[in-house]
N, C-alpha and C. Protein backbone atom coordinates (compact mmCIF):
# COMPACT_ATOMS: atom_id res chain seq x y z
N PRO A 1 165.49 68.24 216.48
CA PRO A 1 165.83 67.79 217.82
C PRO A 1 166.53 66.45 217.80
N GLY A 2 167.18 66.14 218.93
CA GLY A 2 167.82 64.84 219.07
C GLY A 2 166.77 63.76 219.26
N PRO A 3 167.21 62.52 219.39
CA PRO A 3 166.26 61.42 219.54
C PRO A 3 165.50 61.50 220.85
N THR A 4 164.26 61.02 220.85
CA THR A 4 163.47 60.93 222.08
C THR A 4 163.98 59.74 222.87
N LEU A 5 164.31 59.99 224.13
CA LEU A 5 164.74 58.93 225.03
C LEU A 5 163.52 58.53 225.84
N ARG A 6 163.24 57.22 225.90
CA ARG A 6 162.02 56.77 226.57
C ARG A 6 162.31 55.57 227.45
N CYS A 7 161.72 55.60 228.64
CA CYS A 7 161.89 54.51 229.59
C CYS A 7 160.69 54.52 230.53
N SER A 8 160.69 53.63 231.50
CA SER A 8 159.64 53.59 232.51
C SER A 8 160.18 54.06 233.84
N GLU A 9 159.30 54.61 234.66
CA GLU A 9 159.69 55.12 235.97
C GLU A 9 160.38 54.01 236.76
N GLY A 10 161.53 54.35 237.34
CA GLY A 10 162.31 53.40 238.11
C GLY A 10 163.38 52.69 237.31
N ASP A 11 163.33 52.75 235.97
CA ASP A 11 164.38 52.13 235.15
C ASP A 11 165.72 52.79 235.44
N ARG A 12 166.78 52.01 235.37
CA ARG A 12 168.13 52.56 235.48
C ARG A 12 168.51 53.03 234.08
N VAL A 13 168.82 54.31 233.95
CA VAL A 13 169.17 54.91 232.66
C VAL A 13 170.68 55.08 232.59
N ARG A 14 171.28 54.62 231.50
CA ARG A 14 172.71 54.82 231.25
C ARG A 14 172.86 55.37 229.84
N ILE A 15 173.45 56.53 229.76
CA ILE A 15 173.69 57.15 228.46
C ILE A 15 175.18 57.37 228.33
N HIS A 16 175.74 56.65 227.39
CA HIS A 16 177.18 56.72 227.13
C HIS A 16 177.40 57.85 226.13
N PHE A 17 177.93 58.97 226.61
CA PHE A 17 178.08 60.18 225.81
C PHE A 17 179.51 60.30 225.30
N ILE A 18 179.67 60.38 224.00
CA ILE A 18 180.97 60.57 223.36
C ILE A 18 180.90 61.91 222.63
N ASN A 19 181.75 62.83 223.01
CA ASN A 19 181.78 64.11 222.32
C ASN A 19 182.67 63.98 221.09
N ALA A 20 182.01 63.76 219.95
CA ALA A 20 182.73 63.64 218.68
C ALA A 20 182.69 64.97 217.92
N GLY A 21 182.29 66.04 218.59
CA GLY A 21 182.21 67.35 217.95
C GLY A 21 183.49 68.15 218.10
N SER A 22 183.39 69.43 217.80
CA SER A 22 184.56 70.31 217.88
C SER A 22 184.46 71.33 219.02
N HIS A 23 183.37 71.25 219.82
CA HIS A 23 183.16 72.16 220.95
C HIS A 23 182.82 71.35 222.19
N PRO A 24 183.05 71.89 223.38
CA PRO A 24 182.62 71.22 224.60
C PRO A 24 181.08 71.13 224.64
N HIS A 25 180.57 70.03 225.19
CA HIS A 25 179.13 69.81 225.31
C HIS A 25 178.82 69.12 226.63
N THR A 26 177.55 69.12 227.01
CA THR A 26 177.07 68.39 228.18
C THR A 26 175.67 67.88 227.86
N ILE A 27 175.11 67.08 228.76
CA ILE A 27 173.68 66.75 228.70
C ILE A 27 173.10 67.12 230.05
N HIS A 28 172.12 68.02 230.02
CA HIS A 28 171.38 68.40 231.22
C HIS A 28 170.00 67.79 231.08
N PHE A 29 169.63 66.92 232.02
CA PHE A 29 168.31 66.29 232.01
C PHE A 29 167.39 67.03 232.96
N HIS A 30 166.19 67.33 232.51
CA HIS A 30 165.16 67.82 233.43
C HIS A 30 164.58 66.59 234.10
N GLY A 31 164.12 66.73 235.30
CA GLY A 31 163.64 65.60 236.09
C GLY A 31 164.44 65.54 237.38
N ILE A 32 164.46 64.38 238.01
CA ILE A 32 165.16 64.23 239.28
C ILE A 32 166.30 63.24 239.11
N HIS A 33 167.51 63.65 239.51
CA HIS A 33 168.69 62.80 239.41
C HIS A 33 169.79 63.39 240.30
N PRO A 34 170.82 62.61 240.60
CA PRO A 34 171.93 63.15 241.41
C PRO A 34 172.65 64.28 240.67
N HIS A 35 173.14 65.28 241.41
CA HIS A 35 173.82 66.42 240.76
C HIS A 35 175.08 65.97 240.03
N GLU A 36 175.65 64.82 240.42
CA GLU A 36 176.84 64.32 239.73
C GLU A 36 176.53 63.91 238.28
N MET A 37 175.24 63.73 237.99
CA MET A 37 174.81 63.31 236.65
C MET A 37 174.19 64.45 235.87
N ASP A 38 174.42 65.68 236.30
CA ASP A 38 173.82 66.83 235.64
C ASP A 38 174.87 67.56 234.81
N GLY A 39 174.46 68.04 233.65
CA GLY A 39 175.38 68.73 232.76
C GLY A 39 175.39 70.23 232.92
N VAL A 40 174.89 70.75 234.05
CA VAL A 40 174.93 72.19 234.29
C VAL A 40 176.32 72.56 234.79
N PRO A 41 176.91 73.66 234.30
CA PRO A 41 178.23 74.06 234.78
C PRO A 41 178.26 74.14 236.32
N GLY A 42 179.30 73.57 236.91
CA GLY A 42 179.45 73.53 238.35
C GLY A 42 178.88 72.28 238.98
N ALA A 43 178.18 71.46 238.21
CA ALA A 43 177.64 70.19 238.70
C ALA A 43 178.10 69.09 237.75
N GLY A 44 177.99 67.86 238.19
CA GLY A 44 178.29 66.73 237.33
C GLY A 44 179.69 66.73 236.79
N PRO A 45 179.85 66.21 235.58
CA PRO A 45 181.18 66.07 235.01
C PRO A 45 181.78 67.37 234.47
N GLY A 46 180.98 68.44 234.44
CA GLY A 46 181.43 69.66 233.78
C GLY A 46 181.31 69.49 232.28
N GLU A 47 181.89 70.39 231.54
CA GLU A 47 181.83 70.30 230.08
C GLU A 47 182.67 69.12 229.62
N ILE A 48 182.13 68.38 228.66
CA ILE A 48 182.83 67.24 228.08
C ILE A 48 183.50 67.74 226.81
N VAL A 49 184.82 67.76 226.82
CA VAL A 49 185.57 68.32 225.71
C VAL A 49 185.62 67.34 224.54
N PRO A 50 185.91 67.83 223.33
CA PRO A 50 185.98 66.94 222.17
C PRO A 50 186.89 65.74 222.44
N GLY A 51 186.38 64.57 222.09
CA GLY A 51 187.12 63.32 222.28
C GLY A 51 186.90 62.68 223.64
N GLN A 52 186.32 63.43 224.59
CA GLN A 52 186.09 62.90 225.94
C GLN A 52 184.80 62.07 225.97
N VAL A 53 184.73 61.13 226.91
CA VAL A 53 183.60 60.23 227.07
C VAL A 53 183.10 60.34 228.51
N PHE A 54 181.78 60.29 228.69
CA PHE A 54 181.20 60.27 230.03
C PHE A 54 179.91 59.46 229.99
N THR A 55 179.65 58.68 231.05
CA THR A 55 178.41 57.92 231.13
C THR A 55 177.51 58.55 232.19
N TYR A 56 176.35 59.06 231.74
CA TYR A 56 175.33 59.56 232.64
C TYR A 56 174.53 58.35 233.12
N GLU A 57 174.29 58.24 234.43
CA GLU A 57 173.59 57.08 234.98
C GLU A 57 172.72 57.52 236.16
N PHE A 58 171.43 57.20 236.09
CA PHE A 58 170.49 57.56 237.16
C PHE A 58 169.21 56.76 236.99
N ASP A 59 168.39 56.78 238.03
CA ASP A 59 167.07 56.13 237.97
C ASP A 59 166.06 57.11 237.41
N ALA A 60 165.25 56.66 236.47
CA ALA A 60 164.28 57.52 235.80
C ALA A 60 163.15 57.89 236.75
N GLN A 61 163.02 59.19 237.04
CA GLN A 61 161.93 59.69 237.88
C GLN A 61 161.83 61.19 237.75
N PRO A 62 160.69 61.77 237.97
CA PRO A 62 159.38 61.15 238.06
C PRO A 62 158.85 60.85 236.66
N PHE A 63 157.75 60.11 236.57
CA PHE A 63 157.19 59.88 235.24
C PHE A 63 156.72 61.21 234.68
N GLY A 64 156.74 61.32 233.36
CA GLY A 64 156.29 62.54 232.70
C GLY A 64 157.10 62.84 231.46
N CYS A 65 156.83 63.99 230.89
CA CYS A 65 157.54 64.45 229.70
C CYS A 65 158.61 65.44 230.16
N HIS A 66 159.84 65.09 229.94
CA HIS A 66 160.96 65.92 230.36
C HIS A 66 161.77 66.34 229.12
N LEU A 67 162.73 67.16 229.36
CA LEU A 67 163.58 67.70 228.31
C LEU A 67 165.02 67.38 228.65
N TYR A 68 165.84 67.17 227.66
CA TYR A 68 167.29 67.14 227.86
C TYR A 68 167.90 68.10 226.84
N HIS A 69 169.02 68.71 227.21
CA HIS A 69 169.67 69.62 226.27
C HIS A 69 171.11 69.85 226.68
N CYS A 70 171.89 70.32 225.74
CA CYS A 70 173.26 70.71 226.04
C CYS A 70 173.21 71.96 226.91
N HIS A 71 174.04 71.99 227.95
CA HIS A 71 174.04 73.15 228.84
C HIS A 71 175.41 73.85 228.83
N ALA A 72 176.22 73.56 227.81
CA ALA A 72 177.52 74.23 227.69
C ALA A 72 177.31 75.68 227.25
N ILE A 73 178.27 76.50 227.58
CA ILE A 73 178.21 77.92 227.24
C ILE A 73 178.74 78.10 225.81
N PRO A 74 178.11 78.89 224.95
CA PRO A 74 176.92 79.70 225.16
C PRO A 74 175.64 78.86 225.00
N LEU A 75 174.86 78.78 226.05
CA LEU A 75 173.67 77.93 226.10
C LEU A 75 172.71 78.22 224.95
N LYS A 76 172.43 79.49 224.68
CA LYS A 76 171.47 79.83 223.62
C LYS A 76 171.89 79.26 222.27
N ARG A 77 173.16 79.37 221.97
CA ARG A 77 173.62 78.90 220.66
C ARG A 77 173.57 77.37 220.56
N HIS A 78 173.84 76.67 221.65
CA HIS A 78 173.78 75.21 221.62
C HIS A 78 172.35 74.74 221.43
N ILE A 79 171.41 75.37 222.13
CA ILE A 79 170.00 75.00 221.96
C ILE A 79 169.52 75.42 220.57
N HIS A 80 169.92 76.60 220.13
CA HIS A 80 169.50 77.08 218.82
C HIS A 80 169.99 76.15 217.70
N LYS A 81 171.07 75.44 217.94
CA LYS A 81 171.60 74.50 216.94
C LYS A 81 170.94 73.12 217.03
N GLY A 82 169.94 72.99 217.92
CA GLY A 82 169.18 71.74 217.99
C GLY A 82 169.74 70.71 218.94
N LEU A 83 170.58 71.12 219.88
CA LEU A 83 171.17 70.16 220.81
C LEU A 83 170.23 69.95 222.01
N TYR A 84 169.08 69.32 221.73
CA TYR A 84 168.06 69.03 222.73
C TYR A 84 167.17 67.89 222.23
N GLY A 85 166.39 67.37 223.15
CA GLY A 85 165.44 66.32 222.79
C GLY A 85 164.50 66.06 223.95
N ALA A 86 163.57 65.14 223.75
CA ALA A 86 162.60 64.79 224.78
C ALA A 86 163.07 63.55 225.53
N PHE A 87 162.75 63.54 226.81
CA PHE A 87 163.05 62.42 227.70
C PHE A 87 161.72 62.04 228.35
N ILE A 88 161.08 60.99 227.83
CA ILE A 88 159.77 60.57 228.32
C ILE A 88 159.94 59.41 229.29
N VAL A 89 159.39 59.60 230.49
CA VAL A 89 159.40 58.54 231.50
C VAL A 89 157.94 58.12 231.69
N ASP A 90 157.64 56.89 231.26
CA ASP A 90 156.28 56.38 231.40
C ASP A 90 156.02 55.96 232.84
N PRO A 91 154.76 56.11 233.32
CA PRO A 91 154.45 55.63 234.66
C PRO A 91 154.65 54.11 234.72
N ALA A 92 155.08 53.61 235.86
CA ALA A 92 155.33 52.17 236.01
C ALA A 92 154.07 51.36 235.67
N ALA A 93 152.89 51.89 235.99
CA ALA A 93 151.63 51.19 235.72
C ALA A 93 151.17 51.38 234.28
N GLY A 94 151.87 52.20 233.50
CA GLY A 94 151.50 52.44 232.11
C GLY A 94 150.42 53.50 231.96
N ARG A 95 150.07 53.77 230.71
CA ARG A 95 149.00 54.71 230.37
C ARG A 95 148.06 54.02 229.40
N ALA A 96 146.88 54.58 229.23
CA ALA A 96 145.94 54.05 228.25
C ALA A 96 146.57 54.12 226.86
N PRO A 97 146.34 53.13 226.02
CA PRO A 97 146.87 53.19 224.65
C PRO A 97 146.34 54.42 223.92
N ALA A 98 147.20 55.03 223.11
CA ALA A 98 146.81 56.24 222.38
C ALA A 98 147.70 56.38 221.15
N ARG A 99 147.24 57.16 220.22
CA ARG A 99 148.07 57.58 219.09
C ARG A 99 148.94 58.71 219.65
N GLU A 100 150.25 58.57 219.57
CA GLU A 100 151.16 59.51 220.23
C GLU A 100 151.98 60.32 219.22
N PHE A 101 152.25 61.58 219.63
CA PHE A 101 153.09 62.48 218.86
C PHE A 101 154.07 63.16 219.81
N MET A 102 155.30 63.30 219.39
CA MET A 102 156.30 64.07 220.13
C MET A 102 156.51 65.35 219.35
N MET A 103 156.23 66.50 219.99
CA MET A 103 156.34 67.78 219.30
C MET A 103 157.24 68.72 220.10
N MET A 104 158.33 69.13 219.48
CA MET A 104 159.26 70.09 220.07
C MET A 104 159.06 71.42 219.34
N MET A 105 158.50 72.42 220.04
CA MET A 105 158.32 73.74 219.43
C MET A 105 159.67 74.45 219.43
N ASN A 106 160.08 74.93 218.28
CA ASN A 106 161.36 75.64 218.19
C ASN A 106 161.27 76.77 217.17
N GLY A 107 162.31 77.57 217.12
CA GLY A 107 162.33 78.68 216.18
C GLY A 107 163.72 78.83 215.56
N PHE A 108 163.80 79.68 214.55
CA PHE A 108 165.07 79.90 213.85
C PHE A 108 165.36 81.39 213.73
N ASP A 109 166.53 81.77 214.18
CA ASP A 109 167.04 83.13 214.04
C ASP A 109 167.85 83.15 212.74
N THR A 110 167.17 83.43 211.63
CA THR A 110 167.81 83.29 210.31
C THR A 110 168.77 84.42 209.96
N ASN A 111 168.68 85.56 210.66
CA ASN A 111 169.60 86.66 210.35
C ASN A 111 170.50 87.01 211.54
N PHE A 112 170.52 86.15 212.56
CA PHE A 112 171.42 86.27 213.73
C PHE A 112 171.27 87.60 214.47
N ASP A 113 169.99 88.06 214.58
CA ASP A 113 169.74 89.30 215.32
C ASP A 113 169.21 89.03 216.73
N GLY A 114 169.23 87.75 217.15
CA GLY A 114 168.74 87.40 218.48
C GLY A 114 167.24 87.30 218.58
N GLU A 115 166.55 87.22 217.43
CA GLU A 115 165.09 87.05 217.40
C GLU A 115 164.74 85.98 216.38
N ASN A 116 163.66 85.25 216.65
CA ASN A 116 163.22 84.21 215.71
C ASN A 116 162.44 84.83 214.56
N GLU A 117 162.77 84.41 213.35
CA GLU A 117 162.01 84.83 212.18
C GLU A 117 161.09 83.70 211.70
N VAL A 118 161.43 82.46 212.03
CA VAL A 118 160.67 81.29 211.60
C VAL A 118 160.37 80.44 212.83
N TYR A 119 159.13 79.96 212.93
CA TYR A 119 158.72 79.08 214.03
C TYR A 119 158.40 77.71 213.46
N ALA A 120 158.68 76.67 214.25
CA ALA A 120 158.55 75.32 213.74
C ALA A 120 158.17 74.35 214.85
N VAL A 121 157.85 73.15 214.45
CA VAL A 121 157.67 72.01 215.35
C VAL A 121 158.56 70.90 214.81
N ASN A 122 159.42 70.36 215.66
CA ASN A 122 160.40 69.35 215.24
C ASN A 122 161.24 69.85 214.07
N SER A 123 161.53 71.13 214.07
CA SER A 123 162.36 71.81 213.07
C SER A 123 161.72 71.92 211.69
N ALA A 124 160.42 71.61 211.56
CA ALA A 124 159.73 71.73 210.28
C ALA A 124 158.74 72.89 210.37
N ALA A 125 159.05 74.00 209.71
CA ALA A 125 158.20 75.18 209.76
C ALA A 125 156.88 74.92 209.04
N PHE A 126 155.79 75.34 209.65
CA PHE A 126 154.44 75.28 209.07
C PHE A 126 153.96 73.86 208.77
N GLN A 127 154.60 72.86 209.34
CA GLN A 127 154.26 71.46 209.04
C GLN A 127 152.79 71.15 209.24
N TYR A 128 152.24 71.53 210.39
CA TYR A 128 150.86 71.15 210.70
C TYR A 128 149.84 72.13 210.14
N GLN A 129 150.30 73.28 209.69
CA GLN A 129 149.41 74.18 208.96
C GLN A 129 149.17 73.60 207.56
N VAL A 130 150.23 73.07 206.97
CA VAL A 130 150.14 72.50 205.63
C VAL A 130 149.59 71.07 205.67
N ASN A 131 149.97 70.32 206.71
CA ASN A 131 149.56 68.92 206.84
C ASN A 131 148.91 68.70 208.21
N PRO A 132 147.67 69.14 208.39
CA PRO A 132 147.03 68.95 209.69
C PRO A 132 146.87 67.47 210.03
N ILE A 133 146.85 67.19 211.31
CA ILE A 133 146.71 65.80 211.78
C ILE A 133 145.22 65.49 211.91
N PRO A 134 144.71 64.55 211.12
CA PRO A 134 143.30 64.18 211.27
C PRO A 134 143.11 63.35 212.55
N VAL A 135 142.07 63.69 213.30
CA VAL A 135 141.77 63.00 214.55
C VAL A 135 140.32 62.53 214.49
N LYS A 136 140.09 61.27 214.81
CA LYS A 136 138.73 60.72 214.82
C LYS A 136 138.10 60.95 216.19
N ILE A 137 136.85 61.32 216.18
CA ILE A 137 136.11 61.53 217.43
C ILE A 137 136.14 60.24 218.24
N GLY A 138 136.45 60.39 219.53
CA GLY A 138 136.46 59.24 220.42
C GLY A 138 137.79 58.50 220.48
N HIS A 139 138.75 58.84 219.62
CA HIS A 139 140.05 58.19 219.65
C HIS A 139 141.02 59.04 220.47
N LEU A 140 141.75 58.39 221.37
CA LEU A 140 142.68 59.10 222.24
C LEU A 140 143.97 59.44 221.48
N VAL A 141 144.34 60.71 221.53
CA VAL A 141 145.59 61.19 220.94
C VAL A 141 146.39 61.82 222.08
N ARG A 142 147.64 61.44 222.20
CA ARG A 142 148.52 61.99 223.25
C ARG A 142 149.66 62.74 222.57
N ILE A 143 149.77 64.02 222.89
CA ILE A 143 150.85 64.84 222.34
C ILE A 143 151.80 65.19 223.48
N TYR A 144 153.04 64.80 223.33
CA TYR A 144 154.10 65.23 224.25
C TYR A 144 154.65 66.50 223.63
N LEU A 145 154.42 67.63 224.29
CA LEU A 145 154.75 68.93 223.72
C LEU A 145 155.78 69.62 224.59
N VAL A 146 156.88 70.07 223.99
CA VAL A 146 157.96 70.74 224.72
C VAL A 146 158.28 72.05 223.99
N ASN A 147 158.39 73.14 224.75
CA ASN A 147 158.75 74.42 224.15
C ASN A 147 160.25 74.66 224.34
N VAL A 148 161.00 74.59 223.26
CA VAL A 148 162.42 74.93 223.29
C VAL A 148 162.71 76.10 222.35
N THR A 149 161.71 76.97 222.18
CA THR A 149 161.86 78.13 221.31
C THR A 149 162.82 79.13 221.96
N GLU A 150 163.98 79.29 221.37
CA GLU A 150 164.96 80.25 221.87
C GLU A 150 164.56 81.65 221.44
N PHE A 151 165.00 82.62 222.17
CA PHE A 151 164.82 84.06 221.91
C PHE A 151 163.40 84.56 222.16
N ASP A 152 162.47 83.68 222.58
CA ASP A 152 161.12 84.09 222.94
C ASP A 152 160.77 83.43 224.27
N PRO A 153 160.28 84.17 225.23
CA PRO A 153 159.97 83.55 226.52
C PRO A 153 158.70 82.71 226.51
N LEU A 154 157.79 82.93 225.55
CA LEU A 154 156.52 82.20 225.49
C LEU A 154 156.23 81.70 224.09
N ASN A 155 155.48 80.61 224.03
CA ASN A 155 154.97 80.09 222.78
C ASN A 155 153.63 79.45 223.10
N SER A 156 152.74 79.38 222.13
CA SER A 156 151.41 78.83 222.41
C SER A 156 151.11 77.62 221.53
N PHE A 157 150.20 76.81 222.03
CA PHE A 157 149.67 75.65 221.32
C PHE A 157 148.17 75.88 221.21
N HIS A 158 147.63 75.75 219.98
CA HIS A 158 146.22 76.08 219.76
C HIS A 158 145.61 75.09 218.79
N LEU A 159 144.44 74.59 219.15
CA LEU A 159 143.66 73.74 218.24
C LEU A 159 142.52 74.56 217.66
N HIS A 160 142.12 74.22 216.44
CA HIS A 160 140.95 74.83 215.83
C HIS A 160 139.82 73.82 215.88
N ALA A 161 138.65 74.26 216.30
CA ALA A 161 137.43 73.46 216.32
C ALA A 161 137.47 72.30 217.30
N GLY A 162 138.27 72.43 218.34
CA GLY A 162 138.31 71.37 219.35
C GLY A 162 139.01 71.83 220.62
N PHE A 163 138.83 71.08 221.68
CA PHE A 163 139.47 71.33 222.97
C PHE A 163 140.36 70.14 223.32
N PHE A 164 141.26 70.34 224.26
CA PHE A 164 142.13 69.27 224.71
C PHE A 164 142.35 69.39 226.21
N ARG A 165 142.79 68.31 226.81
CA ARG A 165 143.11 68.29 228.24
C ARG A 165 144.62 68.43 228.40
N ILE A 166 145.04 69.26 229.36
CA ILE A 166 146.47 69.47 229.62
C ILE A 166 146.87 68.72 230.87
N TYR A 167 148.00 68.04 230.78
CA TYR A 167 148.63 67.35 231.91
C TYR A 167 150.02 67.95 232.03
N ARG A 168 150.13 69.10 232.73
CA ARG A 168 151.40 69.83 232.80
C ARG A 168 152.54 68.92 233.23
N THR A 169 153.58 68.90 232.48
CA THR A 169 154.80 68.12 232.67
C THR A 169 154.51 66.62 232.63
N GLY A 170 153.26 66.24 232.59
CA GLY A 170 152.89 64.83 232.51
C GLY A 170 153.14 64.05 233.79
N THR A 171 153.39 64.75 234.90
CA THR A 171 153.71 64.06 236.14
C THR A 171 152.46 63.80 236.99
N ASN A 172 151.31 64.07 236.42
CA ASN A 172 150.06 63.83 237.11
C ASN A 172 149.14 63.15 236.11
N LEU A 173 148.38 62.17 236.54
CA LEU A 173 147.47 61.48 235.62
C LEU A 173 146.08 62.12 235.61
N ARG A 174 145.93 63.27 236.27
CA ARG A 174 144.69 64.05 236.24
C ARG A 174 144.96 65.34 235.46
N SER A 175 144.00 65.70 234.63
CA SER A 175 144.15 66.88 233.80
C SER A 175 144.14 68.16 234.62
N ASP A 176 145.00 69.11 234.24
CA ASP A 176 145.04 70.42 234.88
C ASP A 176 143.98 71.37 234.33
N GLU A 177 143.64 71.21 233.05
CA GLU A 177 142.65 72.10 232.45
C GLU A 177 142.15 71.54 231.13
N TYR A 178 141.05 72.11 230.64
CA TYR A 178 140.41 71.73 229.39
C TYR A 178 140.25 73.01 228.59
N THR A 179 140.94 73.11 227.44
CA THR A 179 141.01 74.38 226.72
C THR A 179 141.31 74.14 225.24
N ASP A 180 141.38 75.21 224.47
CA ASP A 180 141.81 75.10 223.07
C ASP A 180 143.12 75.84 222.81
N THR A 181 143.63 76.58 223.82
CA THR A 181 144.90 77.30 223.69
C THR A 181 145.66 77.22 225.01
N ALA A 182 146.94 76.93 224.93
CA ALA A 182 147.78 76.89 226.13
C ALA A 182 149.09 77.61 225.85
N MET A 183 149.55 78.35 226.84
CA MET A 183 150.83 79.05 226.75
C MET A 183 151.92 78.22 227.44
N PHE A 184 153.09 78.18 226.85
CA PHE A 184 154.22 77.43 227.40
C PHE A 184 155.45 78.33 227.46
N CYS A 185 156.05 78.44 228.65
CA CYS A 185 157.31 79.15 228.80
C CYS A 185 158.43 78.30 228.20
N GLN A 186 159.60 78.89 228.00
CA GLN A 186 160.75 78.13 227.52
C GLN A 186 161.01 76.96 228.47
N GLY A 187 161.16 75.78 227.91
CA GLY A 187 161.44 74.58 228.70
C GLY A 187 160.20 73.93 229.28
N GLU A 188 159.04 74.57 229.18
CA GLU A 188 157.83 73.98 229.74
C GLU A 188 157.30 72.90 228.83
N ARG A 189 156.63 71.92 229.45
CA ARG A 189 156.11 70.82 228.66
C ARG A 189 154.81 70.34 229.29
């Protein structure tokens, strides 16, 4: 995935986008912003062609874990090539200190049949199966989790021998549920 963009709620965000590639691209931000700053076809600047420059500018809102990705056509292929990342907007009042992880669930269509053969987190297959994250009892761990798995409508997050609290999209400071398995649709976080 691309770099995690992080700011606080209400910050003025300016992203100077230079298309140095060989295909048209855009940046579509999840969250709230003017349509002129959206990279969806028919809104904002439209596709940014190679060599073109555009500055996305908006106020960061609402707080939470959001996603950004290229929305140029063909959308599936741009996302499948890793043209996405996390956009975290911290609440203006802050959050309790925690050990934090950014995890982007993704997959790989290795034979180009339109189905994933390999599943990964941050593009590393089996990373946490081979290298589990040790967690100490009583220590707060915050995982920003985004599902960008192409070719599958659902993906799950599961802990062994423990439960966790879910804060869907992170836009609420109260937990939605307490469980050991959660399902995430494409783009859900």
